[in-house]
């Protein structure tokens, strides 16, 4: 890693760029669209770590691309992530009142509009990915490949499928193999495709793409283990949502099956493996290496 690289500064800069780009969407002021756009923007612009778009931009740069050229895809990924959070918070799912320190969407706009806001974010993401004017000059084949892979990662083969498995597992005695399966899909799929999308759009070769995929697979599980630990012992004020919800819902988690210390140790192993997957990259991958290590230290 370059000695002068600062992850906090990098993340702050990337988040500012991402937030500015996201703010350009859902800004319709006509009477017909005002309510649904307000609901979508409420959750989309409520802050957050922006990990998925940051990974997309960082992967593009790691293979020699220009981050700004893939920003629309990065925004699309954040829209998909945000839609999933809106739906996860609904009474029929996790029934959460707060997200990122603010009332959840259904608490502000009602359950019906929250569902529709999530739907709007999901569909707008694919509008962006398939609108060639958003990424002019980009190869149509690359755009089609990325749109297809994101659809698979977000749908029943990935995030939605993992969420369904997670819901079905509530209140049941699970095992570690089941838990890995849930989170390779629920959390890992969208993190992995965030990296792949940036790399594919930037013209990565097959070896670089395979390495970034391996990095993403390890990072996804490590990230989920950290989330599970924070749900047990995190600071609810820093996190912007209540802790202890996993236990209250009877969810199977890594701390429940392994204990806190063993969970931390497993996350550390996965981070080491993730960083090792990037051995063939130069200093342009410094943000990805730092982001993997950040997984172990984050407080929210």
Protein backbone atom coordinates (compact mmCIF):
# COMPACT_ATOMS: atom_id res chain seq x y z
CA UNK A 1 0.00 0.00 0.00
CA UNK A 2 1.26 3.47 -0.79
CA UNK A 3 2.54 5.05 2.45
CA UNK A 4 0.52 8.23 1.97
CA UNK A 5 -2.80 6.47 1.30
CA UNK A 6 -5.53 7.47 3.77
CA UNK A 7 -8.68 5.36 3.76
CA UNK A 8 -10.77 7.93 5.70
CA UNK A 9 -9.84 10.63 3.19
CA UNK A 10 -10.47 8.30 0.27
CA UNK A 11 -13.88 7.26 1.57
CA UNK A 12 -14.89 10.84 2.32
CA UNK A 13 -13.96 11.90 -1.19
CA UNK A 14 -15.69 8.99 -2.88
CA UNK A 15 -18.83 9.39 -0.80
CA UNK A 16 -19.04 13.06 -1.72
CA UNK A 17 -18.85 12.18 -5.43
CA UNK A 18 -21.36 9.35 -5.06
CA UNK A 19 -23.81 11.44 -3.04
CA UNK A 20 -23.63 14.22 -5.60
CA UNK A 21 -24.35 11.77 -8.42
CA UNK A 22 -27.20 10.10 -6.51
CA UNK A 23 -28.81 13.46 -5.78
CA UNK A 24 -29.34 13.97 -9.51
CA UNK A 25 -31.81 11.08 -9.60
CA UNK A 26 -35.46 11.12 -8.51
CA UNK A 27 -35.68 14.89 -8.71
CA UNK A 28 -38.97 15.08 -10.61
CA UNK A 29 -40.97 18.02 -9.32
CA UNK A 30 -44.21 17.40 -11.20
CA UNK A 31 -47.30 16.74 -9.15
CA UNK A 32 -47.68 13.21 -10.49
CA UNK A 33 -44.25 12.07 -9.29
CA UNK A 34 -43.67 14.26 -6.26
CA UNK A 35 -44.59 11.78 -3.51
CA UNK A 36 -42.86 8.70 -4.89
CA UNK A 37 -39.72 10.69 -5.75
CA UNK A 38 -39.66 12.18 -2.25
CA UNK A 39 -39.97 8.72 -0.72
CA UNK A 40 -37.20 7.30 -2.90
CA UNK A 41 -34.87 10.25 -2.23
CA UNK A 42 -35.55 10.10 1.52
CA UNK A 43 -33.90 6.69 1.84
CA UNK A 44 -31.40 7.05 -1.00
CA UNK A 45 -29.91 10.27 0.37
CA UNK A 46 -30.04 9.40 4.07
CA UNK A 47 -26.31 8.77 4.31
CA UNK A 48 -24.69 5.39 4.75
CA UNK A 49 -21.28 3.96 4.05
CA UNK A 50 -21.79 3.65 0.26
CA UNK A 51 -19.64 0.51 0.35
CA UNK A 52 -21.09 -1.02 -2.84
CA UNK A 53 -20.58 1.99 -5.11
CA UNK A 54 -17.16 2.60 -3.54
CA UNK A 55 -16.18 -0.98 -4.37
CA UNK A 56 -17.43 -0.52 -7.93
CA UNK A 57 -15.35 2.61 -8.44
CA UNK A 58 -12.30 1.14 -6.70
CA UNK A 59 -12.41 -2.02 -8.82
CA UNK A 60 -12.57 0.04 -12.00
CA UNK A 61 -9.50 2.01 -10.91
CA UNK A 62 -7.67 -1.15 -9.80
CA UNK A 63 -7.76 -2.51 -13.38
CA UNK A 64 -6.69 0.80 -14.90
CA UNK A 65 -10.09 2.34 -15.58
CA UNK A 66 -11.54 5.75 -14.77
CA UNK A 67 -13.95 5.81 -11.84
CA UNK A 68 -16.09 8.59 -13.24
CA UNK A 69 -16.90 6.55 -16.33
CA UNK A 70 -18.62 3.85 -14.23
CA UNK A 71 -20.33 6.18 -11.73
CA UNK A 72 -23.84 5.52 -13.14
CA UNK A 73 -23.38 1.79 -12.50
CA UNK A 74 -22.13 2.56 -8.99
CA UNK A 75 -25.27 4.62 -8.36
CA UNK A 76 -27.45 1.82 -9.70
CA UNK A 77 -25.88 -0.58 -7.21
CA UNK A 78 -26.58 1.81 -4.33
CA UNK A 79 -30.20 2.10 -5.47
CA UNK A 80 -30.56 -1.68 -5.38
CA UNK A 81 -29.00 -1.81 -1.93
CA UNK A 82 -31.27 0.98 -0.67
CA UNK A 83 -34.39 -0.71 -2.02
CA UNK A 84 -33.42 -3.86 -0.15
CA UNK A 85 -33.04 -1.90 3.09
CA UNK A 86 -36.45 -0.24 2.70
CA UNK A 87 -38.09 -3.63 2.21
CA UNK A 88 -36.06 -5.27 5.00
CA UNK A 89 -37.31 -2.62 7.45
CA UNK A 90 -40.99 -3.26 6.73
CA UNK A 91 -43.20 -4.77 9.47
CA UNK A 92 -43.54 -7.97 7.44
CA UNK A 93 -39.75 -8.39 7.49
CA UNK A 94 -37.50 -7.00 10.26
CA UNK A 95 -39.98 -4.36 11.50
CA UNK A 96 -37.35 -1.70 12.19
CA UNK A 97 -38.25 1.86 13.19
CA UNK A 98 -34.86 3.47 12.50
CA UNK A 99 -32.25 3.23 9.77
CA UNK A 100 -29.09 5.38 9.66
CA UNK A 101 -30.40 7.39 12.60
CA UNK A 102 -33.63 8.38 10.85
CA UNK A 103 -37.14 6.98 10.89
CA UNK A 104 -37.50 4.18 8.37
CA UNK A 105 -39.35 4.82 5.14
CA UNK A 106 -42.60 3.15 6.17
CA UNK A 107 -42.68 5.19 9.37
CA UNK A 108 -42.53 8.41 7.35
CA UNK A 109 -44.44 7.59 4.17
CA UNK A 110 -46.54 4.56 5.15
CA UNK A 111 -46.05 0.93 4.26
CA UNK A 112 -47.65 1.25 0.84
CA UNK A 113 -45.40 4.09 -0.30
CA UNK A 114 -42.33 2.42 1.22
CA UNK A 115 -42.96 -0.69 -0.89
CA UNK A 116 -43.37 1.49 -3.96
CA UNK A 117 -40.25 3.53 -3.15
CA UNK A 118 -38.25 0.31 -3.03
CA UNK A 119 -39.80 -0.80 -6.32
CA UNK A 120 -38.96 2.56 -7.88
CA UNK A 121 -35.31 2.35 -6.80
CA UNK A 122 -34.92 -1.18 -8.12
CA UNK A 123 -36.42 -0.45 -11.51
CA UNK A 124 -34.60 2.89 -11.88
CA UNK A 125 -31.33 1.06 -11.30
CA UNK A 126 -31.90 -1.03 -14.42
CA UNK A 127 -33.08 2.02 -16.34
CA UNK A 128 -29.68 3.57 -15.59
CA UNK A 129 -27.75 0.42 -16.49
CA UNK A 130 -29.48 0.08 -19.86
CA UNK A 131 -29.52 3.77 -20.84
CA UNK A 132 -26.48 4.15 -23.08
CA UNK A 133 -26.58 7.93 -22.71
CA UNK A 134 -25.63 7.49 -19.04
CA UNK A 135 -22.31 5.87 -19.99
CA UNK A 136 -21.56 7.14 -23.50
CA UNK A 137 -18.88 5.32 -25.37
CA UNK A 138 -19.17 2.24 -23.19
CA UNK A 139 -19.23 -1.06 -25.06
CA UNK A 140 -22.84 -2.33 -25.38
CA UNK A 141 -21.58 -5.84 -24.69
CA UNK A 142 -20.06 -4.72 -21.38
CA UNK A 143 -23.27 -2.90 -20.41
CA UNK A 144 -25.38 -5.95 -21.22
CA UNK A 145 -23.05 -8.27 -19.29
CA UNK A 146 -23.09 -6.03 -16.23
CA UNK A 147 -26.88 -5.56 -16.30
CA UNK A 148 -27.35 -9.33 -16.54
CA UNK A 149 -24.91 -10.10 -13.74
CA UNK A 150 -26.41 -7.46 -11.45
CA UNK A 151 -29.90 -8.82 -12.10
CA UNK A 152 -28.74 -12.31 -11.13
CA UNK A 153 -26.91 -11.05 -8.03
CA UNK A 154 -29.90 -8.99 -6.87
CA UNK A 155 -32.62 -11.55 -7.62
CA UNK A 156 -33.56 -15.01 -6.40
CA UNK A 157 -30.16 -16.40 -7.36
CA UNK A 158 -28.52 -13.88 -5.05
CA UNK A 159 -29.69 -11.23 -2.58
CA UNK A 160 -33.43 -11.94 -2.69
CA UNK A 161 -32.81 -15.67 -2.49
CA UNK A 162 -30.54 -15.17 0.51
CA UNK A 163 -33.13 -12.99 2.20
CA UNK A 164 -35.76 -15.67 1.62
CA UNK A 165 -33.48 -18.29 3.20
CA UNK A 166 -32.81 -15.93 6.11
CA UNK A 167 -36.52 -15.40 6.75
CA UNK A 168 -37.25 -19.12 6.57
CA UNK A 169 -34.44 -19.82 9.06
CA UNK A 170 -35.82 -17.51 11.77
CA UNK A 171 -36.54 -19.35 14.98
CA UNK A 172 -34.90 -22.55 13.72
CA UNK A 173 -31.68 -24.24 14.71
CA UNK A 174 -29.29 -23.63 11.83
CA UNK A 175 -25.77 -24.79 11.19
CA UNK A 176 -22.68 -23.06 9.84
CA UNK A 177 -23.08 -24.45 6.31
CA UNK A 178 -26.61 -23.02 6.11
CA UNK A 179 -25.41 -19.67 7.43
CA UNK A 180 -22.64 -19.42 4.82
CA UNK A 181 -25.18 -20.22 2.11
CA UNK A 182 -27.54 -17.50 3.34
CA UNK A 183 -24.91 -14.80 3.44
CA UNK A 184 -23.05 -15.72 0.26
CA UNK A 185 -26.36 -14.80 -1.33
CA UNK A 186 -27.94 -12.18 0.96
CA UNK A 187 -24.84 -10.03 1.55
CA UNK A 188 -22.03 -11.43 -0.57
CA UNK A 189 -23.70 -11.46 -3.97
CA UNK A 190 -24.20 -7.70 -4.22
CA UNK A 191 -20.74 -6.92 -2.83
CA UNK A 192 -19.14 -9.30 -5.32
CA UNK A 193 -21.03 -7.92 -8.31
CA UNK A 194 -20.15 -4.38 -7.25
CA UNK A 195 -16.52 -5.27 -7.84
CA UNK A 196 -17.19 -7.24 -11.00
CA UNK A 197 -19.34 -4.48 -12.48
CA UNK A 198 -16.66 -1.82 -12.09
CA UNK A 199 -13.97 -4.15 -13.40
CA UNK A 200 -15.98 -5.41 -16.40
CA UNK A 201 -16.95 -1.89 -17.45
CA UNK A 202 -13.31 -0.83 -17.16
CA UNK A 203 -12.17 -3.70 -19.41
CA UNK A 204 -10.62 -6.11 -16.90
CA UNK A 205 -9.08 -9.29 -18.23
CA UNK A 206 -10.24 -12.68 -16.98
CA UNK A 207 -7.43 -13.08 -14.45
CA UNK A 208 -8.09 -9.71 -12.83
CA UNK A 209 -11.82 -10.42 -12.80
CA UNK A 210 -11.27 -13.80 -11.15
CA UNK A 211 -9.04 -12.23 -8.48
CA UNK A 212 -11.57 -9.49 -7.73
CA UNK A 213 -14.34 -12.09 -7.53
CA UNK A 214 -12.34 -14.11 -5.02
CA UNK A 215 -11.68 -10.94 -3.03
CA UNK A 216 -15.39 -10.10 -3.08
CA UNK A 217 -16.49 -13.55 -1.93
CA UNK A 218 -14.27 -13.36 1.17
CA UNK A 219 -15.12 -9.73 1.82
CA UNK A 220 -18.86 -10.44 1.69
CA UNK A 221 -18.76 -13.03 4.45
CA UNK A 222 -16.33 -10.99 6.57
CA UNK A 223 -18.62 -7.98 6.22
CA UNK A 224 -21.62 -10.02 7.37
CA UNK A 225 -19.75 -11.45 10.36
CA UNK A 226 -18.86 -7.88 11.37
CA UNK A 227 -22.54 -6.90 11.00
CA UNK A 228 -23.60 -9.82 13.19
CA UNK A 229 -21.09 -8.82 15.88
CA UNK A 230 -22.23 -5.19 15.77
CA UNK A 231 -25.83 -6.32 16.20
CA UNK A 232 -24.77 -7.92 19.49
CA UNK A 233 -22.40 -5.36 20.95
CA UNK A 234 -22.40 -2.31 18.68
CA UNK A 235 -23.30 1.23 19.71
CA UNK A 236 -26.87 1.88 18.55
CA UNK A 237 -26.22 5.64 18.33
CA UNK A 238 -23.25 5.16 16.03
CA UNK A 239 -25.11 2.57 13.98
CA UNK A 240 -28.29 4.62 13.70
CA UNK A 241 -30.49 1.63 14.50
CA UNK A 242 -31.23 -0.61 17.44
CA UNK A 243 -28.99 -3.52 18.37
CA UNK A 244 -30.15 -6.95 19.49
CA UNK A 245 -32.69 -7.27 16.67
CA UNK A 246 -31.17 -10.51 15.35
CA UNK A 247 -31.70 -12.29 18.67
CA UNK A 248 -35.20 -10.84 19.01
CA UNK A 249 -36.15 -12.23 15.61
CA UNK A 250 -34.53 -15.60 16.29
CA UNK A 251 -32.04 -15.21 13.44
CA UNK A 252 -29.15 -17.61 13.00
CA UNK A 253 -25.92 -15.58 13.22
CA UNK A 254 -22.19 -16.17 13.37
CA UNK A 255 -21.88 -15.08 17.03
CA UNK A 256 -24.73 -17.41 17.94
CA UNK A 257 -23.04 -20.40 16.30
CA UNK A 258 -19.36 -19.59 16.89
CA UNK A 259 -19.30 -17.06 19.71
CA UNK A 260 -17.94 -13.53 19.47
CA UNK A 261 -14.22 -14.34 19.68
CA UNK A 262 -14.32 -17.15 17.12
CA UNK A 263 -16.44 -14.98 14.83
CA UNK A 264 -13.84 -12.23 14.97
CA UNK A 265 -11.10 -14.74 14.25
CA UNK A 266 -12.98 -16.11 11.24
CA UNK A 267 -13.57 -12.58 9.89
CA UNK A 268 -9.86 -11.85 10.25
CA UNK A 269 -9.00 -15.03 8.30
CA UNK A 270 -11.37 -14.02 5.51
CA UNK A 271 -9.89 -10.53 5.32
CA UNK A 272 -6.38 -11.99 5.05
CA UNK A 273 -7.60 -14.24 2.21
CA UNK A 274 -9.30 -11.29 0.51
CA UNK A 275 -6.14 -9.19 0.59
CA UNK A 276 -4.08 -12.14 -0.66
CA UNK A 277 -6.39 -12.43 -3.68
CA UNK A 278 -5.11 -9.01 -4.78
CA UNK A 279 -1.43 -9.99 -4.87
CA UNK A 280 -1.28 -9.49 -8.64
CA UNK A 281 -2.44 -5.87 -8.42
CA UNK A 282 -0.30 -2.79 -7.96
CA UNK A 283 -0.87 0.26 -5.76
CA UNK A 284 -4.04 1.15 -7.67
CA UNK A 285 -5.70 -1.57 -5.56
CA UNK A 286 -4.67 0.10 -2.29
CA UNK A 287 -8.26 1.20 -1.55
CA UNK A 288 -9.50 -2.37 -1.89
CA UNK A 289 -6.84 -3.69 0.48
CA UNK A 290 -7.64 -0.98 3.00
CA UNK A 291 -11.40 -1.56 2.68
CA UNK A 292 -10.94 -5.23 3.52
CA UNK A 293 -9.04 -4.37 6.70
CA UNK A 294 -11.61 -1.69 7.55
CA UNK A 295 -14.23 -4.44 7.74
CA UNK A 296 -12.69 -5.63 11.00
CA UNK A 297 -12.55 -2.20 12.63
CA UNK A 298 -15.77 -0.50 11.63
CA UNK A 299 -18.24 0.63 14.30
CA UNK A 300 -21.34 1.01 12.13
